[in-house]
Amino acid sequence: MKKEYVYILITYIAMQLSAYVGQPIVYIIGVKGFHTSESYMKMMTPVYWIVISFISALIIVLLILRKSERKYQLERSTPLSVGKSITWAIGGIFLAFIAQALASIIEQMIGIKPGSENTQRIVSLIETFPIVVIVSSIIGPILEEIVFRKIIFGTLHKYLSFFSSALISSIIFGLAHMEFVHLLLYSAMGFTFAFLYKKTNRILVPISAHVIMNTIVVIAQLLNREEIQKIIEKQSFIGGLFS
């Protein structure tokens, strides 16, 4: 694995663990530096840190990736044309939802209840603090596609078949969401995004599909949350999971 990719993985892991250090710092700055009330800062500190940490990680990752791509430009496979890539990105959205539907059906067959606590928490957070939608719908998917598809899947695929590398990277992707009961569902979506990356050799394709998919889920949940909850309770796959 390229050393630049190792730096990106370290950055991503550090971002995930940064709340233990970052949130207390933000809280202290808010209370003592800006004389904000303690009750307000207790409520807002997690939100501030989510946005700060994700934006910071994205900037660092893109800077590292830019340097890496310049250095290793000749190693890259020839991507599809822009027009075909756009077509695959749009088609990938439907593929991801189909994969999610099939995985959801299998989960229900083995007794796993539909619906995601992860999704509900995020939607509730967005309803209260709309700025979080930037993280859930844009920054999060970009980071995940770079880490799990470009780096982990891409590195594994140098030594393993597509199926093996996509399967392993997708399981890691699912485990990273810490919602183990829906591992199959997350893995199915991860496998779909790996397929899009393999098919087009453009990381922007699975990124686009992932961003649009998450955005659709956010909008659907916000506009029709009660109705969607009824559908979920009737054991339909509609409603989605954030990945």
C-alpha atoms as a PDB file:
ATOM      1  CA  MET A   1       0.000   0.000   0.000  1.00  0.00           C
ATOM      2  CA  LYS A   2       1.224   3.481  -0.828  1.00  0.00           C
ATOM      3  CA  LYS A   3       2.422   5.414   2.191  1.00  0.00           C
ATOM      4  CA  GLU A   4       0.041   8.231   1.274  1.00  0.00           C
ATOM      5  CA  TYR A   5      -2.840   5.772   1.579  1.00  0.00           C
ATOM      6  CA  VAL A   6      -1.623   4.769   5.030  1.00  0.00           C
ATOM      7  CA  TYR A   7      -1.708   8.447   6.022  1.00  0.00           C
ATOM      8  CA  ILE A   8      -5.292   8.680   4.780  1.00  0.00           C
ATOM      9  CA  LEU A   9      -6.335   5.632   6.798  1.00  0.00           C
ATOM     10  CA  ILE A  10      -4.688   7.111   9.887  1.00  0.00           C
ATOM     11  CA  THR A  11      -6.515  10.395   9.279  1.00  0.00           C
ATOM     12  CA  TYR A  12      -9.864   8.617   8.938  1.00  0.00           C
ATOM     13  CA  ILE A  13      -9.380   6.546  12.092  1.00  0.00           C
ATOM     14  CA  ALA A  14      -8.178   9.606  13.999  1.00  0.00           C
ATOM     15  CA  MET A  15     -11.316  11.467  12.900  1.00  0.00           C
ATOM     16  CA  GLN A  16     -13.529   8.669  14.205  1.00  0.00           C
ATOM     17  CA  LEU A  17     -11.802   8.742  17.591  1.00  0.00           C
ATOM     18  CA  SER A  18     -11.243  12.485  17.795  1.00  0.00           C
ATOM     19  CA  ALA A  19     -14.388  13.276  19.793  1.00  0.00           C
ATOM     20  CA  TYR A  20     -12.710  12.165  23.008  1.00  0.00           C
ATOM     21  CA  VAL A  21     -10.207  15.000  22.651  1.00  0.00           C
ATOM     22  CA  GLY A  22     -11.955  17.474  20.354  1.00  0.00           C
ATOM     23  CA  GLN A  23     -15.289  17.835  22.116  1.00  0.00           C
ATOM     24  CA  PRO A  24     -13.830  18.884  25.491  1.00  0.00           C
ATOM     25  CA  ILE A  25     -11.676  21.470  23.708  1.00  0.00           C
ATOM     26  CA  VAL A  26     -14.673  22.900  21.802  1.00  0.00           C
ATOM     27  CA  TYR A  27     -16.691  22.979  25.010  1.00  0.00           C
ATOM     28  CA  ILE A  28     -13.995  24.864  26.915  1.00  0.00           C
ATOM     29  CA  ILE A  29     -13.471  27.346  24.072  1.00  0.00           C
ATOM     30  CA  GLY A  30     -17.208  27.987  23.840  1.00  0.00           C
ATOM     31  CA  VAL A  31     -17.745  28.471  27.562  1.00  0.00           C
ATOM     32  CA  LYS A  32     -14.559  30.306  28.518  1.00  0.00           C
ATOM     33  CA  GLY A  33     -13.524  31.899  25.228  1.00  0.00           C
ATOM     34  CA  PHE A  34     -16.896  33.041  23.934  1.00  0.00           C
ATOM     35  CA  HIS A  35     -18.743  33.070  27.289  1.00  0.00           C
ATOM     36  CA  THR A  36     -21.467  30.819  25.911  1.00  0.00           C
ATOM     37  CA  SER A  37     -23.790  29.182  28.440  1.00  0.00           C
ATOM     38  CA  GLU A  38     -22.771  25.729  29.637  1.00  0.00           C
ATOM     39  CA  SER A  39     -26.174  24.222  28.837  1.00  0.00           C
ATOM     40  CA  TYR A  40     -26.007  25.468  25.254  1.00  0.00           C
ATOM     41  CA  MET A  41     -22.467  24.160  24.783  1.00  0.00           C
ATOM     42  CA  LYS A  42     -23.378  20.751  26.191  1.00  0.00           C
ATOM     43  CA  MET A  43     -26.063  20.514  23.527  1.00  0.00           C
ATOM     44  CA  MET A  44     -24.050  21.960  20.638  1.00  0.00           C
ATOM     45  CA  THR A  45     -20.531  20.628  21.269  1.00  0.00           C
ATOM     46  CA  PRO A  46     -21.132  17.197  19.618  1.00  0.00           C
ATOM     47  CA  VAL A  47     -22.658  18.904  16.570  1.00  0.00           C
ATOM     48  CA  TYR A  48     -19.821  21.397  16.261  1.00  0.00           C
ATOM     49  CA  TRP A  49     -17.254  18.636  16.537  1.00  0.00           C
ATOM     50  CA  ILE A  50     -18.953  16.388  13.977  1.00  0.00           C
ATOM     51  CA  VAL A  51     -18.811  19.188  11.413  1.00  0.00           C
ATOM     52  CA  ILE A  52     -15.294  20.356  12.349  1.00  0.00           C
ATOM     53  CA  SER A  53     -13.776  16.861  12.394  1.00  0.00           C
ATOM     54  CA  PHE A  54     -15.339  15.700   9.123  1.00  0.00           C
ATOM     55  CA  ILE A  55     -14.452  18.870   7.227  1.00  0.00           C
ATOM     56  CA  SER A  56     -10.899  18.811   8.591  1.00  0.00           C
ATOM     57  CA  ALA A  57     -10.466  15.139   7.690  1.00  0.00           C
ATOM     58  CA  LEU A  58     -11.814  15.707   4.184  1.00  0.00           C
ATOM     59  CA  ILE A  59      -9.390  18.581   3.546  1.00  0.00           C
ATOM     60  CA  ILE A  60      -6.430  16.542   4.796  1.00  0.00           C
ATOM     61  CA  VAL A  61      -7.444  13.460   2.807  1.00  0.00           C
ATOM     62  CA  LEU A  62      -7.925  15.411  -0.426  1.00  0.00           C
ATOM     63  CA  LEU A  63      -4.551  17.123  -0.023  1.00  0.00           C
ATOM     64  CA  ILE A  64      -2.819  13.776   0.550  1.00  0.00           C
ATOM     65  CA  LEU A  65      -4.722  12.167  -2.301  1.00  0.00           C
ATOM     66  CA  ARG A  66      -3.858  14.985  -4.682  1.00  0.00           C
ATOM     67  CA  LYS A  67      -0.169  14.513  -3.973  1.00  0.00           C
ATOM     68  CA  SER A  68      -0.472  10.748  -4.299  1.00  0.00           C
ATOM     69  CA  GLU A  69      -2.301  10.899  -7.623  1.00  0.00           C
ATOM     70  CA  ARG A  70       0.292  13.217  -9.090  1.00  0.00           C
ATOM     71  CA  LYS A  71       3.112  10.978  -7.940  1.00  0.00           C
ATOM     72  CA  TYR A  72       1.534   7.738  -9.116  1.00  0.00           C
ATOM     73  CA  GLN A  73      -0.368   9.029 -12.119  1.00  0.00           C
ATOM     74  CA  LEU A  74       1.093   6.435 -14.508  1.00  0.00           C
ATOM     75  CA  GLU A  75      -0.144   3.585 -12.300  1.00  0.00           C
ATOM     76  CA  ARG A  76      -3.808   4.422 -12.737  1.00  0.00           C
ATOM     77  CA  SER A  77      -6.037   2.375 -15.022  1.00  0.00           C
ATOM     78  CA  THR A  78      -7.706   4.142 -17.917  1.00  0.00           C
ATOM     79  CA  PRO A  79     -11.160   5.320 -16.755  1.00  0.00           C
ATOM     80  CA  LEU A  80     -14.346   5.370 -18.784  1.00  0.00           C
ATOM     81  CA  SER A  81     -15.379   8.522 -20.591  1.00  0.00           C
ATOM     82  CA  VAL A  82     -17.184  11.205 -18.620  1.00  0.00           C
ATOM     83  CA  GLY A  83     -20.497  10.461 -20.344  1.00  0.00           C
ATOM     84  CA  LYS A  84     -20.363   6.742 -19.577  1.00  0.00           C
ATOM     85  CA  SER A  85     -19.225   7.454 -16.033  1.00  0.00           C
ATOM     86  CA  ILE A  86     -22.249   9.703 -15.454  1.00  0.00           C
ATOM     87  CA  THR A  87     -24.511   6.958 -16.784  1.00  0.00           C
ATOM     88  CA  TRP A  88     -22.956   4.431 -14.413  1.00  0.00           C
ATOM     89  CA  ALA A  89     -23.256   6.865 -11.490  1.00  0.00           C
ATOM     90  CA  ILE A  90     -26.982   7.310 -12.130  1.00  0.00           C
ATOM     91  CA  GLY A  91     -27.486   3.602 -12.675  1.00  0.00           C
ATOM     92  CA  GLY A  92     -25.456   2.927  -9.546  1.00  0.00           C
ATOM     93  CA  ILE A  93     -28.051   4.678  -7.408  1.00  0.00           C
ATOM     94  CA  PHE A  94     -30.681   2.184  -8.526  1.00  0.00           C
ATOM     95  CA  LEU A  95     -28.260  -0.722  -8.119  1.00  0.00           C
ATOM     96  CA  ALA A  96     -27.516   0.366  -4.553  1.00  0.00           C
ATOM     97  CA  PHE A  97     -31.204   0.581  -3.665  1.00  0.00           C
ATOM     98  CA  ILE A  98     -31.837  -2.833  -5.267  1.00  0.00           C
ATOM     99  CA  ALA A  99     -28.931  -4.342  -3.312  1.00  0.00           C
ATOM    100  CA  GLN A 100     -30.329  -2.761  -0.155  1.00  0.00           C
ATOM    101  CA  ALA A 101     -33.800  -4.166  -0.898  1.00  0.00           C
ATOM    102  CA  LEU A 102     -32.530  -7.704  -1.485  1.00  0.00           C
ATOM    103  CA  ALA A 103     -30.368  -7.602   1.637  1.00  0.00           C
ATOM    104  CA  SER A 104     -33.315  -6.280   3.659  1.00  0.00           C
ATOM    105  CA  ILE A 105     -35.524  -9.128   2.446  1.00  0.00           C
ATOM    106  CA  ILE A 106     -32.890 -11.685   3.464  1.00  0.00           C
ATOM    107  CA  GLU A 107     -32.521 -10.017   6.857  1.00  0.00           C
ATOM    108  CA  GLN A 108     -36.265 -10.224   7.424  1.00  0.00           C
ATOM    109  CA  MET A 109     -36.259 -13.905   6.412  1.00  0.00           C
ATOM    110  CA  ILE A 110     -33.771 -14.653   9.191  1.00  0.00           C
ATOM    111  CA  GLY A 111     -35.668 -12.609  11.741  1.00  0.00           C
ATOM    112  CA  ILE A 112     -33.908  -9.230  11.679  1.00  0.00           C
ATOM    113  CA  LYS A 113     -36.325  -6.327  12.096  1.00  0.00           C
ATOM    114  CA  PRO A 114     -36.268  -3.617   9.381  1.00  0.00           C
ATOM    115  CA  GLY A 115     -35.258  -0.045  10.097  1.00  0.00           C
ATOM    116  CA  SER A 116     -32.005   1.416  11.317  1.00  0.00           C
ATOM    117  CA  GLU A 117     -31.292   3.110  14.625  1.00  0.00           C
ATOM    118  CA  ASN A 118     -28.289   4.725  12.949  1.00  0.00           C
ATOM    119  CA  THR A 119     -30.478   6.337  10.303  1.00  0.00           C
ATOM    120  CA  GLN A 120     -33.072   7.491  12.831  1.00  0.00           C
ATOM    121  CA  ARG A 121     -30.407   9.104  15.016  1.00  0.00           C
ATOM    122  CA  ILE A 122     -28.926  10.959  12.076  1.00  0.00           C
ATOM    123  CA  VAL A 123     -32.305  12.152  10.812  1.00  0.00           C
ATOM    124  CA  SER A 124     -33.262  13.347  14.296  1.00  0.00           C
ATOM    125  CA  LEU A 125     -29.970  15.219  14.514  1.00  0.00           C
ATOM    126  CA  ILE A 126     -30.549  16.818  11.101  1.00  0.00           C
ATOM    127  CA  GLU A 127     -34.053  17.897  12.104  1.00  0.00           C
ATOM    128  CA  THR A 128     -32.595  19.729  15.095  1.00  0.00           C
ATOM    129  CA  PHE A 129     -29.339  20.875  13.502  1.00  0.00           C
ATOM    130  CA  PRO A 130     -29.712  21.047   9.678  1.00  0.00           C
ATOM    131  CA  ILE A 131     -25.980  21.686   9.165  1.00  0.00           C
ATOM    132  CA  VAL A 132     -25.347  18.000   9.938  1.00  0.00           C
ATOM    133  CA  VAL A 133     -26.808  17.151   6.523  1.00  0.00           C
ATOM    134  CA  ILE A 134     -23.522  18.333   5.004  1.00  0.00           C
ATOM    135  CA  VAL A 135     -21.753  15.546   6.852  1.00  0.00           C
ATOM    136  CA  SER A 136     -24.317  12.781   6.321  1.00  0.00           C
ATOM    137  CA  SER A 137     -25.029  13.470   2.655  1.00  0.00           C
ATOM    138  CA  ILE A 138     -21.764  14.825   1.263  1.00  0.00           C
ATOM    139  CA  ILE A 139     -18.619  14.692   3.381  1.00  0.00           C
ATOM    140  CA  GLY A 140     -19.269  11.274   4.920  1.00  0.00           C
ATOM    141  CA  PRO A 141     -19.875   9.470   1.603  1.00  0.00           C
ATOM    142  CA  ILE A 142     -16.827  11.110  -0.007  1.00  0.00           C
ATOM    143  CA  LEU A 143     -14.545   9.977   2.817  1.00  0.00           C
ATOM    144  CA  GLU A 144     -16.039   6.486   2.884  1.00  0.00           C
ATOM    145  CA  GLU A 145     -15.596   5.941  -0.842  1.00  0.00           C
ATOM    146  CA  ILE A 146     -11.983   7.113  -0.732  1.00  0.00           C
ATOM    147  CA  VAL A 147     -11.183   4.931   2.281  1.00  0.00           C
ATOM    148  CA  PHE A 148     -13.201   1.774   1.633  1.00  0.00           C
ATOM    149  CA  ARG A 149     -13.283   1.667  -2.165  1.00  0.00           C
ATOM    150  CA  LYS A 150     -10.231   3.506  -3.490  1.00  0.00           C
ATOM    151  CA  ILE A 151      -7.805   2.475  -0.768  1.00  0.00           C
ATOM    152  CA  ILE A 152      -8.987  -0.755   0.866  1.00  0.00           C
ATOM    153  CA  PHE A 153     -10.759  -2.337  -2.118  1.00  0.00           C
ATOM    154  CA  GLY A 154      -8.216  -0.954  -4.588  1.00  0.00           C
ATOM    155  CA  THR A 155      -5.280  -2.325  -2.601  1.00  0.00           C
ATOM    156  CA  LEU A 156      -6.864  -5.741  -2.076  1.00  0.00           C
ATOM    157  CA  HIS A 157      -7.761  -6.000  -5.752  1.00  0.00           C
ATOM    158  CA  LYS A 158      -4.092  -5.867  -6.690  1.00  0.00           C
ATOM    159  CA  TYR A 159      -3.678  -9.297  -5.084  1.00  0.00           C
ATOM    160  CA  LEU A 160      -7.162 -10.828  -5.079  1.00  0.00           C
ATOM    161  CA  SER A 161     -10.030 -11.323  -7.489  1.00  0.00           C
ATOM    162  CA  PHE A 162     -12.738  -8.705  -7.767  1.00  0.00           C
ATOM    163  CA  PHE A 163     -15.202 -10.807  -5.799  1.00  0.00           C
ATOM    164  CA  SER A 164     -12.822 -11.505  -2.924  1.00  0.00           C
ATOM    165  CA  SER A 165     -11.520  -7.945  -2.629  1.00  0.00           C
ATOM    166  CA  ALA A 166     -15.020  -6.443  -2.938  1.00  0.00           C
ATOM    167  CA  LEU A 167     -16.405  -8.881  -0.361  1.00  0.00           C
ATOM    168  CA  ILE A 168     -13.655  -8.243   2.194  1.00  0.00           C
ATOM    169  CA  SER A 169     -13.723  -4.463   1.781  1.00  0.00           C
ATOM    170  CA  SER A 170     -17.532  -4.432   1.950  1.00  0.00           C
ATOM    171  CA  ILE A 171     -17.587  -6.421   5.179  1.00  0.00           C
ATOM    172  CA  ILE A 172     -15.052  -3.999   6.670  1.00  0.00           C
ATOM    173  CA  PHE A 173     -17.289  -1.167   5.438  1.00  0.00           C
ATOM    174  CA  GLY A 174     -20.272  -2.752   7.164  1.00  0.00           C
ATOM    175  CA  LEU A 175     -18.408  -3.369  10.417  1.00  0.00           C
ATOM    176  CA  ALA A 176     -17.210   0.237  10.471  1.00  0.00           C
ATOM    177  CA  HIS A 177     -20.815   1.420  10.828  1.00  0.00           C
ATOM    178  CA  MET A 178     -21.069  -0.371  14.190  1.00  0.00           C
ATOM    179  CA  GLU A 179     -24.576  -1.630  13.460  1.00  0.00           C
ATOM    180  CA  PHE A 180     -23.763  -5.312  13.282  1.00  0.00           C
ATOM    181  CA  VAL A 181     -27.344  -6.498  12.994  1.00  0.00           C
ATOM    182  CA  HIS A 182     -27.452  -4.877   9.533  1.00  0.00           C
ATOM    183  CA  LEU A 183     -24.006  -6.051   8.423  1.00  0.00           C
ATOM    184  CA  LEU A 184     -25.473  -7.803   5.389  1.00  0.00           C
ATOM    185  CA  LEU A 185     -27.277  -4.652   4.253  1.00  0.00           C
ATOM    186  CA  TYR A 186     -24.257  -2.378   4.597  1.00  0.00           C
ATOM    187  CA  SER A 187     -22.023  -4.962   2.946  1.00  0.00           C
ATOM    188  CA  ALA A 188     -24.413  -5.298   0.007  1.00  0.00           C
ATOM    189  CA  MET A 189     -24.261  -1.558  -0.618  1.00  0.00           C
ATOM    190  CA  GLY A 190     -20.482  -1.560  -0.194  1.00  0.00           C
ATOM    191  CA  PHE A 191     -20.205  -4.358  -2.751  1.00  0.00           C
ATOM    192  CA  THR A 192     -22.309  -2.332  -5.185  1.00  0.00           C
ATOM    193  CA  PHE A 193     -20.077   0.717  -4.834  1.00  0.00           C
ATOM    194  CA  ALA A 194     -16.980  -1.467  -5.312  1.00  0.00           C
ATOM    195  CA  PHE A 195     -18.542  -2.787  -8.521  1.00  0.00           C
ATOM    196  CA  LEU A 196     -19.100   0.770  -9.775  1.00  0.00           C
ATOM    197  CA  TYR A 197     -15.483   1.663  -9.039  1.00  0.00           C
ATOM    198  CA  LYS A 198     -14.183  -1.450 -10.773  1.00  0.00           C
ATOM    199  CA  LYS A 199     -16.425  -0.924 -13.788  1.00  0.00           C
ATOM    200  CA  THR A 200     -15.470   2.719 -14.381  1.00  0.00           C
ATOM    201  CA  ASN A 201     -12.028   3.175 -12.748  1.00  0.00           C
ATOM    202  CA  ARG A 202     -13.347   6.523 -11.516  1.00  0.00           C
ATOM    203  CA  ILE A 203     -13.776   6.961  -7.765  1.00  0.00           C
ATOM    204  CA  LEU A 204     -16.098   9.893  -8.525  1.00  0.00           C
ATOM    205  CA  VAL A 205     -18.690   7.404  -9.794  1.00  0.00           C
ATOM    206  CA  PRO A 206     -19.324   5.545  -6.509  1.00  0.00           C
ATOM    207  CA  ILE A 207     -18.897   8.847  -4.657  1.00  0.00           C
ATOM    208  CA  SER A 208     -21.671  10.418  -6.751  1.00  0.00           C
ATOM    209  CA  ALA A 209     -23.971   7.423  -6.331  1.00  0.00           C
ATOM    210  CA  HIS A 210     -23.312   7.316  -2.593  1.00  0.00           C
ATOM    211  CA  VAL A 211     -23.887  11.060  -2.116  1.00  0.00           C
ATOM    212  CA  ILE A 212     -27.129  11.059  -4.102  1.00  0.00           C
ATOM    213  CA  MET A 213     -28.387   7.934  -2.359  1.00  0.00           C
ATOM    214  CA  ASN A 214     -27.803   9.394   1.095  1.00  0.00           C
ATOM    215  CA  THR A 215     -29.392  12.669   0.038  1.00  0.00           C
ATOM    216  CA  ILE A 216     -32.498  10.883  -1.226  1.00  0.00           C
ATOM    217  CA  VAL A 217     -32.813   9.010   2.054  1.00  0.00           C
ATOM    218  CA  VAL A 218     -32.446  12.242   4.061  1.00  0.00           C
ATOM    219  CA  ILE A 219     -35.073  14.075   2.019  1.00  0.00           C
ATOM    220  CA  ALA A 220     -37.476  11.123   2.100  1.00  0.00           C
ATOM    221  CA  GLN A 221     -37.092  10.720   5.854  1.00  0.00           C
ATOM    222  CA  LEU A 222     -37.509  14.425   6.569  1.00  0.00           C
ATOM    223  CA  LEU A 223     -40.525  14.945   4.316  1.00  0.00           C
ATOM    224  CA  ASN A 224     -42.399  11.739   5.072  1.00  0.00           C
ATOM    225  CA  ARG A 225     -40.930  10.412   8.288  1.00  0.00           C
ATOM    226  CA  GLU A 226     -44.186   9.205   9.845  1.00  0.00           C
ATOM    227  CA  GLU A 227     -45.340   7.539   6.645  1.00  0.00           C
ATOM    228  CA  ILE A 228     -41.967   5.872   6.086  1.00  0.00           C
ATOM    229  CA  GLN A 229     -41.945   4.595   9.659  1.00  0.00           C
ATOM    230  CA  LYS A 230     -45.308   2.939   9.032  1.00  0.00           C
ATOM    231  CA  ILE A 231     -43.897   1.276   5.919  1.00  0.00           C
ATOM    232  CA  ILE A 232     -40.836   0.090   7.837  1.00  0.00           C
ATOM    233  CA  GLU A 233     -43.057  -1.336  10.543  1.00  0.00           C
ATOM    234  CA  LYS A 234     -44.875  -3.268   7.821  1.00  0.00           C
ATOM    235  CA  GLN A 235     -41.471  -4.747   6.964  1.00  0.00           C
ATOM    236  CA  SER A 236     -40.680  -2.971   3.742  1.00  0.00           C
ATOM    237  CA  PHE A 237     -37.106  -2.057   2.818  1.00  0.00           C
ATOM    238  CA  ILE A 238     -37.992   1.551   1.963  1.00  0.00           C
ATOM    239  CA  GLY A 239     -36.478   4.113   4.269  1.00  0.00           C
ATOM    240  CA  GLY A 240     -32.865   3.304   3.716  1.00  0.00           C
ATOM    241  CA  LEU A 241     -29.718   3.229   5.736  1.00  0.00           C
ATOM    242  CA  PHE A 242     -26.952   5.782   5.773  1.00  0.00           C
ATOM    243  CA  SER A 243     -23.729   4.272   4.575  1.00  0.00           C
END
